[in-house]
Amino acid sequence: MRAAKQREEELRQQIAALRAASGRDQTEREEDPAQPFWGNHRRNPYPLNFREVVVEPFDGSQDPYAHLQTFQT
C-alpha cells in the first residue's frame, strides 16, 4: 500500500511539472469550433436523476417503425 501511495505522489509531481512547463492547465481544453456543444456540457452539471438512454443501432432486421418508437416520448 505504501508503494502505491508513493507512486501516486510521484505521478502528481510529474503532472504538476508538466503543467508548469506548458504554461497552462492541460485539463482545460480549448473549445473546438467543430464541436459546438463541447464546452456547454462541461459547464452545466447533469441532473442527479439523469439516466443515459441506451438504444441499439438499427440493423434493418426489424420493423423500422418499432425502432423509432424508442425515441418517442
Foldseek 3Di string as FASTA:
>chain_A
DVVVVVVVVVVVVVQVVVCVVVVHRPVDDDDDPVDVCPVVPVVDDDDPPDDDDDADDDPPPDDVVVSCVSVPD
